[in-house]
Amino acid sequence: MSIEPGSQIHQHVTAVAGTAYGVIGADLHVFGDGTPLYLLEEHRPSAVPDRAWLRELPSRMLNAGAGVVAFTGRNHERDELHAWREAGPRLAVRWLHAPGGQGKTRLADHIAAQAAADGWKVVVAVPHVGTPQ
């Protein structure tokens, strides 16, 4: 998804019960006490970790970001997410939820990489520096 040259860009700021939400470029600003809680950043594929570093502590290979093995399976979920991406509003968010260790991060990274390869702008919400976690 891209913005056409000369197109109008609008910014909407909404305030509800003392919390304001505003989008500037691709950054989502949520203000409660004057501090943004999350910012949107461009999704970047994880760098492939050094194999020697992984072998020092084999449990590092379990981290989804390590991508030690190629992503496989989950065809139903992949098809469903692809159909969702291609239909409906052009700006949307999809929430993936499940207990830890079910593969949400790997699935999201895989779908994000596919979307980026197809020309979509893919962003992730990250805690803002100084935000309690």
N, C-alpha and C. Protein backbone atom coordinates (compact mmCIF):
# COMPACT_ATOMS: atom_id res chain seq x y z
N MET A 1 0.85 -1.15 0.00
CA MET A 1 0.00 0.00 0.00
C MET A 1 0.90 1.22 0.00
N SER A 2 0.63 2.18 -0.88
CA SER A 2 1.44 3.39 -0.93
C SER A 2 0.54 4.61 -1.06
N ILE A 3 1.12 5.78 -0.78
CA ILE A 3 0.39 7.03 -0.88
C ILE A 3 0.72 7.64 -2.23
N GLU A 4 -0.30 7.99 -2.98
CA GLU A 4 -0.11 8.58 -4.29
C GLU A 4 0.40 10.02 -4.16
N PRO A 5 1.33 10.45 -5.02
CA PRO A 5 1.79 11.84 -4.99
C PRO A 5 0.61 12.80 -5.18
N GLY A 6 0.60 13.87 -4.39
CA GLY A 6 -0.46 14.86 -4.50
C GLY A 6 -1.72 14.51 -3.73
N SER A 7 -1.78 13.32 -3.13
CA SER A 7 -2.98 12.95 -2.38
C SER A 7 -2.99 13.68 -1.04
N GLN A 8 -4.18 13.88 -0.50
CA GLN A 8 -4.31 14.55 0.78
C GLN A 8 -4.09 13.55 1.91
N ILE A 9 -3.40 13.98 2.92
CA ILE A 9 -3.17 13.15 4.09
C ILE A 9 -3.83 13.86 5.27
N HIS A 10 -4.62 13.13 6.03
CA HIS A 10 -5.32 13.71 7.17
C HIS A 10 -4.80 13.11 8.45
N GLN A 11 -4.75 13.94 9.48
CA GLN A 11 -4.40 13.45 10.81
C GLN A 11 -5.61 13.64 11.70
N HIS A 12 -5.98 12.59 12.41
CA HIS A 12 -7.10 12.65 13.33
C HIS A 12 -6.58 12.43 14.74
N VAL A 13 -6.97 13.31 15.64
CA VAL A 13 -6.62 13.16 17.05
C VAL A 13 -7.93 13.02 17.81
N THR A 14 -8.01 11.99 18.64
CA THR A 14 -9.22 11.72 19.42
C THR A 14 -8.85 11.73 20.89
N ALA A 15 -9.66 12.41 21.71
CA ALA A 15 -9.44 12.42 23.15
C ALA A 15 -10.67 11.84 23.84
N VAL A 16 -10.44 10.84 24.69
CA VAL A 16 -11.51 10.20 25.43
C VAL A 16 -11.05 10.04 26.88
N ALA A 17 -11.81 10.56 27.80
CA ALA A 17 -11.54 10.41 29.23
C ALA A 17 -10.09 10.75 29.60
N GLY A 18 -9.57 11.81 29.02
CA GLY A 18 -8.23 12.26 29.37
C GLY A 18 -7.10 11.61 28.61
N THR A 19 -7.40 10.69 27.71
CA THR A 19 -6.37 10.05 26.90
C THR A 19 -6.58 10.44 25.45
N ALA A 20 -5.52 10.93 24.80
CA ALA A 20 -5.63 11.37 23.41
C ALA A 20 -4.81 10.45 22.52
N TYR A 21 -5.33 10.20 21.33
CA TYR A 21 -4.68 9.34 20.34
C TYR A 21 -4.48 10.16 19.07
N GLY A 22 -3.28 10.14 18.54
CA GLY A 22 -3.03 10.85 17.29
C GLY A 22 -2.01 10.11 16.46
N VAL A 23 -2.16 10.19 15.15
CA VAL A 23 -1.22 9.55 14.25
C VAL A 23 -0.49 10.63 13.47
N ILE A 24 0.83 10.56 13.51
CA ILE A 24 1.67 11.49 12.77
C ILE A 24 2.57 10.63 11.90
N GLY A 25 2.41 10.71 10.58
CA GLY A 25 3.15 9.82 9.70
C GLY A 25 2.76 8.40 10.02
N ALA A 26 3.71 7.57 10.38
CA ALA A 26 3.41 6.18 10.76
C ALA A 26 3.57 5.99 12.26
N ASP A 27 3.66 7.09 13.01
CA ASP A 27 3.81 6.98 14.46
C ASP A 27 2.48 7.19 15.14
N LEU A 28 2.07 6.23 15.94
CA LEU A 28 0.85 6.33 16.74
C LEU A 28 1.23 6.87 18.10
N HIS A 29 0.66 7.98 18.48
CA HIS A 29 0.95 8.59 19.77
C HIS A 29 -0.27 8.45 20.66
N VAL A 30 -0.10 7.84 21.82
CA VAL A 30 -1.17 7.70 22.79
C VAL A 30 -0.72 8.44 24.04
N PHE A 31 -1.46 9.48 24.40
CA PHE A 31 -1.08 10.29 25.55
C PHE A 31 -2.08 10.12 26.67
N GLY A 32 -1.61 9.78 27.85
CA GLY A 32 -2.45 9.70 29.03
C GLY A 32 -1.95 10.73 30.03
N ASP A 33 -0.67 10.62 30.36
CA ASP A 33 -0.06 11.56 31.30
C ASP A 33 0.94 12.46 30.58
N GLY A 34 0.80 12.61 29.28
CA GLY A 34 1.72 13.42 28.50
C GLY A 34 2.85 12.63 27.88
N THR A 35 2.89 11.33 28.13
CA THR A 35 3.94 10.46 27.59
C THR A 35 3.33 9.48 26.60
N PRO A 36 3.85 9.41 25.36
CA PRO A 36 3.30 8.42 24.44
C PRO A 36 3.58 7.01 24.95
N LEU A 37 2.57 6.15 24.89
CA LEU A 37 2.72 4.78 25.37
C LEU A 37 3.36 3.88 24.33
N TYR A 38 2.93 4.01 23.08
CA TYR A 38 3.45 3.18 22.00
C TYR A 38 3.72 4.05 20.78
N LEU A 39 4.68 3.64 20.00
CA LEU A 39 4.94 4.25 18.70
C LEU A 39 4.88 3.14 17.66
N LEU A 40 4.48 3.50 16.45
CA LEU A 40 4.50 2.54 15.35
C LEU A 40 5.82 2.70 14.61
N GLU A 41 6.47 1.58 14.38
CA GLU A 41 7.72 1.56 13.64
C GLU A 41 7.59 0.61 12.47
N GLU A 42 8.36 0.87 11.42
CA GLU A 42 8.35 -0.03 10.27
C GLU A 42 8.83 -1.41 10.70
N HIS A 43 8.11 -2.42 10.25
CA HIS A 43 8.50 -3.81 10.55
C HIS A 43 9.78 -4.13 9.80
N ARG A 44 10.72 -4.68 10.50
CA ARG A 44 11.97 -5.12 9.88
C ARG A 44 12.19 -6.59 10.24
N PRO A 45 12.50 -7.40 9.25
CA PRO A 45 12.78 -8.80 9.56
C PRO A 45 13.95 -8.89 10.54
N SER A 46 13.90 -9.86 11.41
CA SER A 46 14.99 -10.07 12.37
C SER A 46 16.26 -10.45 11.64
N ALA A 47 17.38 -9.95 12.13
CA ALA A 47 18.67 -10.34 11.58
C ALA A 47 18.95 -11.79 11.99
N VAL A 48 19.58 -12.53 11.12
CA VAL A 48 19.91 -13.92 11.42
C VAL A 48 21.05 -13.93 12.44
N PRO A 49 20.81 -14.52 13.61
CA PRO A 49 21.87 -14.54 14.64
C PRO A 49 23.06 -15.40 14.21
N ASP A 50 24.21 -15.09 14.77
CA ASP A 50 25.42 -15.85 14.53
C ASP A 50 25.24 -17.27 15.09
N ARG A 51 25.56 -18.27 14.29
CA ARG A 51 25.36 -19.67 14.71
C ARG A 51 26.18 -20.02 15.96
N ALA A 52 27.39 -19.49 16.05
CA ALA A 52 28.21 -19.78 17.23
C ALA A 52 27.54 -19.22 18.48
N TRP A 53 26.97 -18.03 18.37
CA TRP A 53 26.27 -17.41 19.51
C TRP A 53 25.08 -18.27 19.91
N LEU A 54 24.34 -18.79 18.93
CA LEU A 54 23.20 -19.65 19.24
C LEU A 54 23.63 -20.92 19.95
N ARG A 55 24.75 -21.50 19.52
CA ARG A 55 25.21 -22.77 20.10
C ARG A 55 25.72 -22.61 21.53
N GLU A 56 26.17 -21.40 21.88
CA GLU A 56 26.65 -21.16 23.24
C GLU A 56 25.55 -21.46 24.26
N LEU A 57 24.34 -21.15 23.91
CA LEU A 57 23.19 -21.36 24.79
C LEU A 57 22.04 -21.84 23.91
N PRO A 58 21.90 -23.16 23.72
CA PRO A 58 20.92 -23.70 22.77
C PRO A 58 19.50 -23.18 22.94
N SER A 59 19.12 -22.77 24.15
CA SER A 59 17.76 -22.25 24.33
C SER A 59 17.52 -20.98 23.53
N ARG A 60 18.58 -20.30 23.10
CA ARG A 60 18.43 -19.11 22.25
C ARG A 60 17.74 -19.47 20.93
N MET A 61 17.91 -20.72 20.51
CA MET A 61 17.30 -21.15 19.25
C MET A 61 15.78 -21.18 19.33
N LEU A 62 15.23 -21.19 20.54
CA LEU A 62 13.78 -21.21 20.71
C LEU A 62 13.14 -19.84 20.53
N ASN A 63 13.94 -18.78 20.58
CA ASN A 63 13.41 -17.44 20.38
C ASN A 63 12.90 -17.31 18.96
N ALA A 64 11.65 -16.85 18.82
CA ALA A 64 11.04 -16.75 17.49
C ALA A 64 11.86 -15.88 16.55
N GLY A 65 12.51 -14.85 17.08
CA GLY A 65 13.30 -13.97 16.24
C GLY A 65 14.51 -14.63 15.63
N ALA A 66 14.97 -15.73 16.23
CA ALA A 66 16.14 -16.43 15.70
C ALA A 66 15.85 -17.06 14.35
N GLY A 67 14.60 -17.49 14.13
CA GLY A 67 14.23 -18.09 12.85
C GLY A 67 15.15 -19.21 12.43
N VAL A 68 15.48 -20.09 13.36
CA VAL A 68 16.44 -21.16 13.09
C VAL A 68 15.96 -22.08 11.97
N VAL A 69 14.68 -22.36 11.94
CA VAL A 69 14.12 -23.20 10.88
C VAL A 69 13.13 -22.38 10.06
N ALA A 70 12.94 -22.78 8.82
CA ALA A 70 12.00 -22.08 7.94
C ALA A 70 10.58 -22.20 8.49
N PHE A 71 9.77 -21.19 8.22
CA PHE A 71 8.38 -21.21 8.66
C PHE A 71 7.61 -22.19 7.79
N THR A 72 6.88 -23.11 8.42
CA THR A 72 6.08 -24.08 7.68
C THR A 72 4.72 -24.23 8.34
N GLY A 73 3.80 -24.82 7.60
CA GLY A 73 2.48 -25.11 8.15
C GLY A 73 1.62 -23.88 8.33
N ARG A 74 0.62 -24.01 9.19
CA ARG A 74 -0.31 -22.93 9.50
C ARG A 74 -1.03 -22.43 8.25
N ASN A 75 -1.26 -23.33 7.28
CA ASN A 75 -1.87 -22.93 6.01
C ASN A 75 -3.23 -22.28 6.19
N HIS A 76 -4.05 -22.81 7.08
CA HIS A 76 -5.38 -22.24 7.29
C HIS A 76 -5.26 -20.80 7.79
N GLU A 77 -4.41 -20.58 8.81
CA GLU A 77 -4.23 -19.23 9.35
C GLU A 77 -3.62 -18.29 8.31
N ARG A 78 -2.64 -18.79 7.55
CA ARG A 78 -2.01 -17.96 6.53
C ARG A 78 -3.02 -17.54 5.46
N ASP A 79 -3.84 -18.50 5.01
CA ASP A 79 -4.86 -18.18 4.00
C ASP A 79 -5.87 -17.18 4.54
N GLU A 80 -6.28 -17.39 5.80
CA GLU A 80 -7.25 -16.50 6.42
C GLU A 80 -6.70 -15.08 6.55
N LEU A 81 -5.45 -14.95 6.98
CA LEU A 81 -4.84 -13.63 7.12
C LEU A 81 -4.60 -12.97 5.77
N HIS A 82 -4.25 -13.75 4.76
CA HIS A 82 -4.07 -13.18 3.42
C HIS A 82 -5.41 -12.66 2.90
N ALA A 83 -6.48 -13.42 3.07
CA ALA A 83 -7.81 -12.98 2.63
C ALA A 83 -8.24 -11.73 3.38
N TRP A 84 -7.98 -11.68 4.68
CA TRP A 84 -8.31 -10.49 5.48
C TRP A 84 -7.55 -9.27 4.97
N ARG A 85 -6.26 -9.46 4.66
CA ARG A 85 -5.43 -8.36 4.17
C ARG A 85 -5.97 -7.79 2.86
N GLU A 86 -6.44 -8.65 1.99
CA GLU A 86 -6.88 -8.22 0.66
C GLU A 86 -8.31 -7.68 0.64
N ALA A 87 -9.08 -7.91 1.69
CA ALA A 87 -10.48 -7.48 1.72
C ALA A 87 -10.65 -6.35 2.74
N GLY A 88 -11.83 -5.78 2.75
CA GLY A 88 -12.19 -4.83 3.80
C GLY A 88 -11.43 -3.52 3.74
N PRO A 89 -11.37 -2.82 4.86
CA PRO A 89 -10.73 -1.49 4.86
C PRO A 89 -9.24 -1.59 4.54
N ARG A 90 -8.72 -0.56 3.92
CA ARG A 90 -7.31 -0.55 3.51
C ARG A 90 -6.38 -0.30 4.69
N LEU A 91 -6.92 0.20 5.79
CA LEU A 91 -6.12 0.42 6.99
C LEU A 91 -6.79 -0.37 8.11
N ALA A 92 -6.13 -1.38 8.61
CA ALA A 92 -6.75 -2.24 9.61
C ALA A 92 -5.68 -2.89 10.48
N VAL A 93 -6.13 -3.40 11.60
CA VAL A 93 -5.26 -4.10 12.54
C VAL A 93 -5.88 -5.45 12.84
N ARG A 94 -5.07 -6.46 12.97
CA ARG A 94 -5.56 -7.80 13.32
C ARG A 94 -4.83 -8.25 14.57
N TRP A 95 -5.56 -8.71 15.55
CA TRP A 95 -5.00 -9.13 16.83
C TRP A 95 -4.82 -10.64 16.83
N LEU A 96 -3.60 -11.11 17.07
CA LEU A 96 -3.33 -12.54 17.21
C LEU A 96 -3.14 -12.83 18.70
N HIS A 97 -3.88 -13.78 19.21
CA HIS A 97 -3.73 -14.10 20.63
C HIS A 97 -3.79 -15.60 20.85
N ALA A 98 -2.98 -16.05 21.78
CA ALA A 98 -2.91 -17.46 22.17
C ALA A 98 -1.91 -17.55 23.31
N PRO A 99 -1.90 -18.66 24.03
CA PRO A 99 -0.88 -18.83 25.07
C PRO A 99 0.52 -18.76 24.47
N GLY A 100 1.50 -18.47 25.31
CA GLY A 100 2.89 -18.40 24.86
C GLY A 100 3.35 -19.70 24.22
N GLY A 101 4.23 -19.58 23.23
CA GLY A 101 4.80 -20.76 22.60
C GLY A 101 3.96 -21.38 21.50
N GLN A 102 2.89 -20.71 21.08
CA GLN A 102 2.01 -21.27 20.06
C GLN A 102 2.39 -20.87 18.64
N GLY A 103 3.36 -19.96 18.49
CA GLY A 103 3.82 -19.57 17.16
C GLY A 103 3.25 -18.26 16.64
N LYS A 104 2.70 -17.43 17.51
CA LYS A 104 2.12 -16.15 17.08
C LYS A 104 3.16 -15.25 16.44
N THR A 105 4.32 -15.14 17.07
CA THR A 105 5.36 -14.25 16.56
C THR A 105 5.86 -14.72 15.21
N ARG A 106 6.12 -16.01 15.06
CA ARG A 106 6.59 -16.52 13.77
C ARG A 106 5.55 -16.31 12.68
N LEU A 107 4.27 -16.57 13.01
CA LEU A 107 3.19 -16.37 12.04
C LEU A 107 3.10 -14.89 11.65
N ALA A 108 3.12 -14.00 12.64
CA ALA A 108 3.03 -12.57 12.36
C ALA A 108 4.21 -12.10 11.52
N ASP A 109 5.42 -12.56 11.84
CA ASP A 109 6.60 -12.17 11.06
C ASP A 109 6.49 -12.67 9.62
N HIS A 110 6.01 -13.89 9.46
CA HIS A 110 5.86 -14.47 8.12
C HIS A 110 4.85 -13.67 7.29
N ILE A 111 3.70 -13.38 7.89
CA ILE A 111 2.65 -12.61 7.19
C ILE A 111 3.15 -11.20 6.89
N ALA A 112 3.86 -10.59 7.84
CA ALA A 112 4.40 -9.24 7.63
C ALA A 112 5.40 -9.23 6.48
N ALA A 113 6.27 -10.22 6.42
CA ALA A 113 7.26 -10.29 5.34
C ALA A 113 6.57 -10.46 3.99
N GLN A 114 5.53 -11.29 3.93
CA GLN A 114 4.77 -11.46 2.68
C GLN A 114 4.12 -10.15 2.27
N ALA A 115 3.49 -9.47 3.23
CA ALA A 115 2.81 -8.22 2.92
C ALA A 115 3.80 -7.17 2.42
N ALA A 116 4.95 -7.07 3.07
CA ALA A 116 5.96 -6.11 2.64
C ALA A 116 6.46 -6.44 1.24
N ALA A 117 6.66 -7.72 0.95
CA ALA A 117 7.09 -8.14 -0.39
C ALA A 117 6.05 -7.80 -1.44
N ASP A 118 4.78 -7.75 -1.03
CA ASP A 118 3.68 -7.41 -1.95
C ASP A 118 3.43 -5.91 -2.02
N GLY A 119 4.29 -5.11 -1.37
CA GLY A 119 4.19 -3.66 -1.47
C GLY A 119 3.43 -2.96 -0.36
N TRP A 120 3.05 -3.67 0.68
CA TRP A 120 2.33 -3.07 1.80
C TRP A 120 3.31 -2.41 2.76
N LYS A 121 2.84 -1.36 3.44
CA LYS A 121 3.60 -0.75 4.52
C LYS A 121 3.23 -1.52 5.78
N VAL A 122 4.20 -2.16 6.41
CA VAL A 122 3.95 -2.99 7.59
C VAL A 122 4.61 -2.32 8.79
N VAL A 123 3.83 -2.10 9.84
CA VAL A 123 4.36 -1.46 11.04
C VAL A 123 4.06 -2.32 12.27
N VAL A 124 4.83 -2.10 13.32
CA VAL A 124 4.62 -2.78 14.60
C VAL A 124 4.52 -1.72 15.69
N ALA A 125 3.71 -1.98 16.71
CA ALA A 125 3.60 -1.09 17.86
C ALA A 125 4.67 -1.49 18.87
N VAL A 126 5.49 -0.53 19.25
CA VAL A 126 6.55 -0.80 20.23
C VAL A 126 6.39 0.15 21.40
N PRO A 127 6.72 -0.30 22.62
CA PRO A 127 6.64 0.61 23.77
C PRO A 127 7.57 1.80 23.56
N HIS A 128 7.10 2.97 23.90
CA HIS A 128 7.90 4.18 23.80
C HIS A 128 8.93 4.19 24.92
N VAL A 129 10.11 4.73 24.64
CA VAL A 129 11.15 4.83 25.66
C VAL A 129 10.58 5.59 26.86
N GLY A 130 10.78 5.06 28.04
CA GLY A 130 10.27 5.70 29.24
C GLY A 130 8.91 5.20 29.66
N THR A 131 8.28 4.36 28.82
CA THR A 131 6.98 3.80 29.16
C THR A 131 7.18 2.62 30.10
N PRO A 132 6.47 2.59 31.23
CA PRO A 132 6.58 1.42 32.10
C PRO A 132 6.11 0.17 31.35
N GLN A 133 6.82 -0.94 31.52
CA GLN A 133 6.47 -2.15 30.78
C GLN A 133 5.92 -3.22 31.68
